[in-house]
Amino acid sequence: MTAERKISFQEISAAYRKEVQYQRKMMFNLQLWLTLFFLIAGSSVVVIYYAKALSLGLVIAAYVALVISICLILLLGYVLYKGRQNVERLIANFRDNLHEAGLSTKDYDVK
């Protein structure tokens, strides 16, 4: 038989804070990837513009890179949008749980 252990609100608060920090860190990493793909898309446009007369292969590679980077920009934008919604729901859930327990949100604020 296992003894059940009650979890304190301090432990729950620490877990929520840790999760929110982790989610925000991952969103920051996605923003860095988004920046990289913006740079790749911009570089592809420059290569397409200036290398038309030089090499057909280079222009084709630039078009491929442009299409792939635009698709990834759209995908990462959507993921960041959903990630922000998820963090907001997580914080709202935590505050709702505090309210149901009759505790002040000032003592357990998650930013």
Protein backbone atom coordinates (compact mmCIF):
# COMPACT_ATOMS: atom_id res chain seq x y z
CA MET A 1 0.00 0.00 0.00
CA THR A 2 1.30 3.40 -0.89
CA ALA A 3 0.74 6.36 1.33
CA GLU A 4 -0.73 9.35 -0.44
CA ARG A 5 1.11 12.59 0.04
CA LYS A 6 -0.66 15.91 -0.01
CA ILE A 7 0.89 18.43 -2.33
CA SER A 8 1.21 21.92 -0.91
CA PHE A 9 0.18 25.00 -2.82
CA GLN A 10 3.80 26.17 -2.70
CA GLU A 11 4.80 23.06 -4.66
CA ILE A 12 1.98 23.59 -7.13
CA SER A 13 2.95 27.25 -7.49
CA ALA A 14 6.58 26.30 -8.12
CA ALA A 15 5.50 23.74 -10.71
CA TYR A 16 3.32 26.27 -12.54
CA ARG A 17 6.11 28.85 -12.50
CA LYS A 18 8.59 26.31 -13.82
CA GLU A 19 6.21 25.30 -16.60
CA VAL A 20 5.51 28.90 -17.61
CA GLN A 21 9.25 29.67 -17.67
CA TYR A 22 9.89 26.58 -19.80
CA GLN A 23 7.09 27.47 -22.24
CA ARG A 24 8.40 31.02 -22.58
CA LYS A 25 11.95 29.77 -23.13
CA MET A 26 10.74 27.49 -25.93
CA MET A 27 8.77 30.35 -27.48
CA PHE A 28 11.92 32.49 -27.40
CA ASN A 29 13.79 29.69 -29.19
CA LEU A 30 11.05 29.56 -31.83
CA GLN A 31 11.36 33.32 -32.30
CA LEU A 32 15.06 32.85 -33.02
CA TRP A 33 14.21 30.25 -35.67
CA LEU A 34 11.61 32.61 -37.10
CA THR A 35 14.27 35.32 -37.40
CA LEU A 36 16.61 32.88 -39.15
CA PHE A 37 13.97 31.97 -41.72
CA PHE A 38 13.20 35.64 -42.33
CA LEU A 39 16.89 36.15 -43.06
CA ILE A 40 16.95 33.16 -45.40
CA ALA A 41 13.86 34.45 -47.23
CA GLY A 42 15.37 37.92 -47.58
CA SER A 43 18.67 36.52 -48.80
CA SER A 44 16.84 34.35 -51.31
CA VAL A 45 15.06 37.39 -52.73
CA VAL A 46 18.38 39.21 -53.08
CA VAL A 47 19.97 36.21 -54.81
CA ILE A 48 16.99 35.87 -57.15
CA TYR A 49 17.16 39.54 -58.05
CA TYR A 50 20.92 39.76 -58.65
CA ALA A 51 21.76 36.28 -59.93
CA LYS A 52 19.23 35.99 -62.76
CA ALA A 53 21.88 36.57 -65.40
CA LEU A 54 24.58 34.52 -63.69
CA SER A 55 23.30 31.04 -62.97
CA LEU A 56 19.98 29.32 -63.49
CA GLY A 57 20.82 26.71 -60.84
CA LEU A 58 21.48 29.39 -58.25
CA VAL A 59 18.17 31.09 -59.02
CA ILE A 60 16.28 27.78 -58.77
CA ALA A 61 17.95 27.03 -55.44
CA ALA A 62 17.04 30.52 -54.22
CA TYR A 63 13.39 30.02 -55.24
CA VAL A 64 13.31 26.67 -53.41
CA ALA A 65 14.86 28.24 -50.31
CA LEU A 66 12.37 31.11 -50.51
CA VAL A 67 9.34 28.83 -50.74
CA ILE A 68 10.54 26.58 -47.92
CA SER A 69 11.42 29.50 -45.67
CA ILE A 70 8.05 31.19 -46.26
CA CYS A 71 6.24 27.95 -45.40
CA LEU A 72 8.32 27.63 -42.22
CA ILE A 73 7.70 31.28 -41.31
CA LEU A 74 3.96 30.70 -41.56
CA LEU A 75 4.20 27.48 -39.54
CA LEU A 76 6.35 29.04 -36.80
CA GLY A 77 4.06 32.06 -36.65
CA TYR A 78 1.10 29.77 -36.05
CA VAL A 79 3.02 27.76 -33.44
CA LEU A 80 4.01 30.94 -31.60
CA TYR A 81 0.42 32.15 -31.68
CA LYS A 82 -0.84 28.88 -30.20
CA GLY A 83 2.04 28.85 -27.68
CA ARG A 84 1.09 32.29 -26.38
CA GLN A 85 -2.51 31.14 -26.04
CA ASN A 86 -1.32 28.07 -24.14
CA VAL A 87 0.74 30.14 -21.69
CA GLU A 88 -2.20 32.49 -21.11
CA ARG A 89 -4.49 29.52 -20.46
CA LEU A 90 -1.95 28.00 -18.08
CA ILE A 91 -1.72 31.25 -16.08
CA ALA A 92 -5.51 31.65 -16.08
CA ASN A 93 -5.92 28.05 -14.89
CA PHE A 94 -3.47 28.65 -12.06
CA ARG A 95 -5.26 31.84 -11.00
CA ASP A 96 -8.62 30.06 -11.14
CA ASN A 97 -7.24 27.30 -8.92
CA LEU A 98 -5.98 29.89 -6.45
CA HIS A 99 -9.35 31.60 -6.46
CA GLU A 100 -11.17 28.31 -5.84
CA ALA A 101 -8.84 27.56 -2.94
CA GLY A 102 -9.54 31.00 -1.47
CA LEU A 103 -5.93 32.16 -1.75
CA SER A 104 -4.70 35.55 -2.84
CA THR A 105 -3.17 35.80 -6.30
CA LYS A 106 -0.62 38.31 -4.96
CA ASP A 107 1.24 35.60 -3.03
CA TYR A 108 1.35 33.19 -5.99
CA ASP A 109 1.64 35.48 -8.98
CA VAL A 110 2.95 33.88 -12.16
CA LYS A 111 4.43 36.38 -14.60
